[in-house]
Amino acid sequence: MTEQHVTEQPLTNAVVVLSGKDGSDLSILGRVHGAILMSNHPELAQQFIDDAIASDFDNLLVTSMRYVDVQ
């Protein structure tokens, strides 16, 4: 597996706290999706889902960081 680094600004202004929360894939997917729906770009919510579930758990995390500010 190659390392993936996220260095650019997220696509939305949403902030999602993952530290200390349920780390299951469905929990993360739901929290990020909900935050996108309430962000400045709610139209990206379905695209996030499609991108996030396209591969494995690592892809879900990288995709989440691409769409929201993960803390």
N, C-alpha and C. Protein backbone atom coordinates (compact mmCIF):
# COMPACT_ATOMS: atom_id res chain seq x y z
N MET A 1 0.84 -1.17 0.00
CA MET A 1 0.00 0.00 0.00
C MET A 1 0.90 1.24 0.00
N THR A 2 0.51 2.24 -0.77
CA THR A 2 1.27 3.47 -0.81
C THR A 2 0.69 4.46 0.17
N GLU A 3 1.56 5.35 0.68
CA GLU A 3 1.09 6.39 1.59
C GLU A 3 0.40 7.48 0.80
N GLN A 4 -0.72 7.95 1.33
CA GLN A 4 -1.44 9.04 0.70
C GLN A 4 -1.47 10.20 1.68
N HIS A 5 -1.13 11.38 1.20
CA HIS A 5 -1.12 12.56 2.05
C HIS A 5 -2.11 13.57 1.52
N VAL A 6 -2.87 14.15 2.43
CA VAL A 6 -3.81 15.19 2.07
C VAL A 6 -3.20 16.51 2.49
N THR A 7 -2.93 17.38 1.53
CA THR A 7 -2.27 18.63 1.85
C THR A 7 -3.08 19.85 1.43
N GLU A 8 -4.14 19.67 0.69
CA GLU A 8 -4.92 20.81 0.24
C GLU A 8 -6.15 21.01 1.11
N GLN A 9 -6.79 22.14 0.94
CA GLN A 9 -8.00 22.47 1.70
C GLN A 9 -9.12 21.47 1.35
N PRO A 10 -9.94 21.13 2.33
CA PRO A 10 -11.09 20.27 2.05
C PRO A 10 -12.06 20.94 1.07
N LEU A 11 -12.85 20.13 0.42
CA LEU A 11 -13.82 20.63 -0.55
C LEU A 11 -14.98 21.39 0.09
N THR A 12 -15.20 21.19 1.39
CA THR A 12 -16.29 21.87 2.09
C THR A 12 -15.73 22.58 3.32
N ASN A 13 -16.58 23.35 3.98
CA ASN A 13 -16.18 24.02 5.21
C ASN A 13 -16.54 23.19 6.45
N ALA A 14 -16.98 21.96 6.25
CA ALA A 14 -17.40 21.10 7.36
C ALA A 14 -16.20 20.63 8.18
N VAL A 15 -16.43 20.48 9.48
CA VAL A 15 -15.43 19.96 10.41
C VAL A 15 -16.04 18.74 11.09
N VAL A 16 -15.30 17.63 11.11
CA VAL A 16 -15.78 16.41 11.75
C VAL A 16 -14.72 15.92 12.73
N VAL A 17 -15.13 15.71 13.97
CA VAL A 17 -14.22 15.19 14.99
C VAL A 17 -14.33 13.66 14.98
N LEU A 18 -13.22 13.00 14.67
CA LEU A 18 -13.19 11.54 14.67
C LEU A 18 -12.47 11.00 15.89
N SER A 19 -11.58 11.77 16.46
CA SER A 19 -10.82 11.34 17.63
C SER A 19 -11.76 11.09 18.81
N GLY A 20 -11.64 9.90 19.40
CA GLY A 20 -12.44 9.56 20.56
C GLY A 20 -13.86 9.13 20.24
N LYS A 21 -14.18 8.96 18.97
CA LYS A 21 -15.53 8.55 18.55
C LYS A 21 -15.49 7.12 18.03
N ASP A 22 -16.67 6.57 17.77
CA ASP A 22 -16.78 5.24 17.16
C ASP A 22 -16.05 5.28 15.82
N GLY A 23 -15.10 4.38 15.64
CA GLY A 23 -14.28 4.38 14.43
C GLY A 23 -14.73 3.41 13.37
N SER A 24 -15.94 2.90 13.47
CA SER A 24 -16.40 1.97 12.44
C SER A 24 -16.61 2.71 11.13
N ASP A 25 -16.49 1.97 10.05
CA ASP A 25 -16.63 2.59 8.73
C ASP A 25 -18.00 3.24 8.55
N LEU A 26 -19.05 2.61 8.99
CA LEU A 26 -20.40 3.18 8.82
C LEU A 26 -20.59 4.42 9.68
N SER A 27 -20.01 4.44 10.86
CA SER A 27 -20.11 5.60 11.72
C SER A 27 -19.39 6.79 11.10
N ILE A 28 -18.19 6.57 10.60
CA ILE A 28 -17.43 7.63 9.96
C ILE A 28 -18.16 8.12 8.72
N LEU A 29 -18.63 7.20 7.90
CA LEU A 29 -19.36 7.55 6.68
C LEU A 29 -20.57 8.41 7.01
N GLY A 30 -21.32 8.04 8.02
CA GLY A 30 -22.52 8.78 8.40
C GLY A 30 -22.21 10.15 8.96
N ARG A 31 -21.19 10.25 9.80
CA ARG A 31 -20.85 11.56 10.38
C ARG A 31 -20.33 12.53 9.32
N VAL A 32 -19.48 12.04 8.43
CA VAL A 32 -18.94 12.90 7.39
C VAL A 32 -20.05 13.29 6.40
N HIS A 33 -20.87 12.35 6.01
CA HIS A 33 -21.97 12.63 5.09
C HIS A 33 -22.90 13.69 5.68
N GLY A 34 -23.26 13.54 6.93
CA GLY A 34 -24.13 14.50 7.59
C GLY A 34 -23.51 15.89 7.66
N ALA A 35 -22.21 15.94 7.93
CA ALA A 35 -21.52 17.23 7.99
C ALA A 35 -21.49 17.90 6.62
N ILE A 36 -21.30 17.11 5.59
CA ILE A 36 -21.30 17.67 4.23
C ILE A 36 -22.68 18.23 3.89
N LEU A 37 -23.73 17.52 4.29
CA LEU A 37 -25.09 18.00 4.02
C LEU A 37 -25.35 19.35 4.68
N MET A 38 -24.69 19.63 5.80
CA MET A 38 -24.90 20.89 6.51
C MET A 38 -23.81 21.93 6.17
N SER A 39 -22.96 21.62 5.22
CA SER A 39 -21.84 22.49 4.87
C SER A 39 -22.24 23.51 3.79
N ASN A 40 -21.22 24.21 3.31
CA ASN A 40 -21.43 25.16 2.22
C ASN A 40 -21.56 24.48 0.86
N HIS A 41 -21.36 23.16 0.79
CA HIS A 41 -21.51 22.41 -0.46
C HIS A 41 -22.27 21.10 -0.25
N PRO A 42 -23.54 21.18 0.14
CA PRO A 42 -24.30 19.95 0.38
C PRO A 42 -24.49 19.11 -0.88
N GLU A 43 -24.33 19.72 -2.03
CA GLU A 43 -24.47 18.97 -3.28
C GLU A 43 -23.37 17.93 -3.47
N LEU A 44 -22.31 18.00 -2.67
CA LEU A 44 -21.21 17.03 -2.76
C LEU A 44 -21.45 15.77 -1.92
N ALA A 45 -22.54 15.72 -1.19
CA ALA A 45 -22.79 14.60 -0.27
C ALA A 45 -22.84 13.25 -0.98
N GLN A 46 -23.55 13.16 -2.09
CA GLN A 46 -23.65 11.87 -2.79
C GLN A 46 -22.32 11.51 -3.44
N GLN A 47 -21.62 12.49 -3.96
CA GLN A 47 -20.31 12.22 -4.55
C GLN A 47 -19.35 11.69 -3.49
N PHE A 48 -19.42 12.26 -2.27
CA PHE A 48 -18.60 11.76 -1.17
C PHE A 48 -18.89 10.28 -0.92
N ILE A 49 -20.17 9.93 -0.81
CA ILE A 49 -20.54 8.52 -0.57
C ILE A 49 -19.95 7.63 -1.66
N ASP A 50 -20.15 8.01 -2.90
CA ASP A 50 -19.65 7.20 -4.02
C ASP A 50 -18.14 7.03 -3.95
N ASP A 51 -17.43 8.13 -3.68
CA ASP A 51 -15.96 8.07 -3.60
C ASP A 51 -15.51 7.25 -2.39
N ALA A 52 -16.16 7.45 -1.26
CA ALA A 52 -15.74 6.82 -0.01
C ALA A 52 -15.92 5.31 0.00
N ILE A 53 -16.95 4.82 -0.64
CA ILE A 53 -17.21 3.37 -0.63
C ILE A 53 -16.60 2.64 -1.82
N ALA A 54 -15.84 3.34 -2.62
CA ALA A 54 -15.26 2.75 -3.82
C ALA A 54 -14.13 1.76 -3.52
N SER A 55 -13.61 1.78 -2.30
CA SER A 55 -12.47 0.93 -1.99
C SER A 55 -12.49 0.53 -0.52
N ASP A 56 -11.34 0.51 0.11
CA ASP A 56 -11.18 0.02 1.47
C ASP A 56 -11.30 1.10 2.54
N PHE A 57 -11.03 0.73 3.79
CA PHE A 57 -11.14 1.64 4.93
C PHE A 57 -10.18 2.81 4.80
N ASP A 58 -8.96 2.55 4.33
CA ASP A 58 -8.00 3.64 4.14
C ASP A 58 -8.54 4.67 3.15
N ASN A 59 -9.17 4.20 2.10
CA ASN A 59 -9.78 5.10 1.12
C ASN A 59 -10.88 5.94 1.77
N LEU A 60 -11.66 5.34 2.65
CA LEU A 60 -12.71 6.08 3.36
C LEU A 60 -12.09 7.24 4.14
N LEU A 61 -11.00 6.99 4.84
CA LEU A 61 -10.36 8.03 5.65
C LEU A 61 -9.77 9.14 4.76
N VAL A 62 -9.07 8.75 3.72
CA VAL A 62 -8.46 9.73 2.82
C VAL A 62 -9.55 10.56 2.13
N THR A 63 -10.61 9.90 1.71
CA THR A 63 -11.71 10.59 1.05
C THR A 63 -12.39 11.55 2.02
N SER A 64 -12.58 11.12 3.26
CA SER A 64 -13.18 11.99 4.27
C SER A 64 -12.35 13.25 4.44
N MET A 65 -11.03 13.10 4.49
CA MET A 65 -10.15 14.26 4.65
C MET A 65 -10.15 15.17 3.43
N ARG A 66 -10.49 14.60 2.29
CA ARG A 66 -10.57 15.42 1.07
C ARG A 66 -11.82 16.30 1.09
N TYR A 67 -12.89 15.83 1.72
CA TYR A 67 -14.17 16.55 1.73
C TYR A 67 -14.38 17.43 2.96
N VAL A 68 -13.84 17.04 4.12
CA VAL A 68 -14.06 17.79 5.35
C VAL A 68 -12.76 17.95 6.11
N ASP A 69 -12.76 18.87 7.07
CA ASP A 69 -11.63 19.03 7.99
C ASP A 69 -11.82 18.00 9.10
N VAL A 70 -10.98 16.98 9.11
CA VAL A 70 -11.08 15.91 10.10
C VAL A 70 -10.19 16.26 11.29
N GLN A 71 -10.77 16.21 12.47
CA GLN A 71 -10.02 16.50 13.69
C GLN A 71 -10.11 15.36 14.66
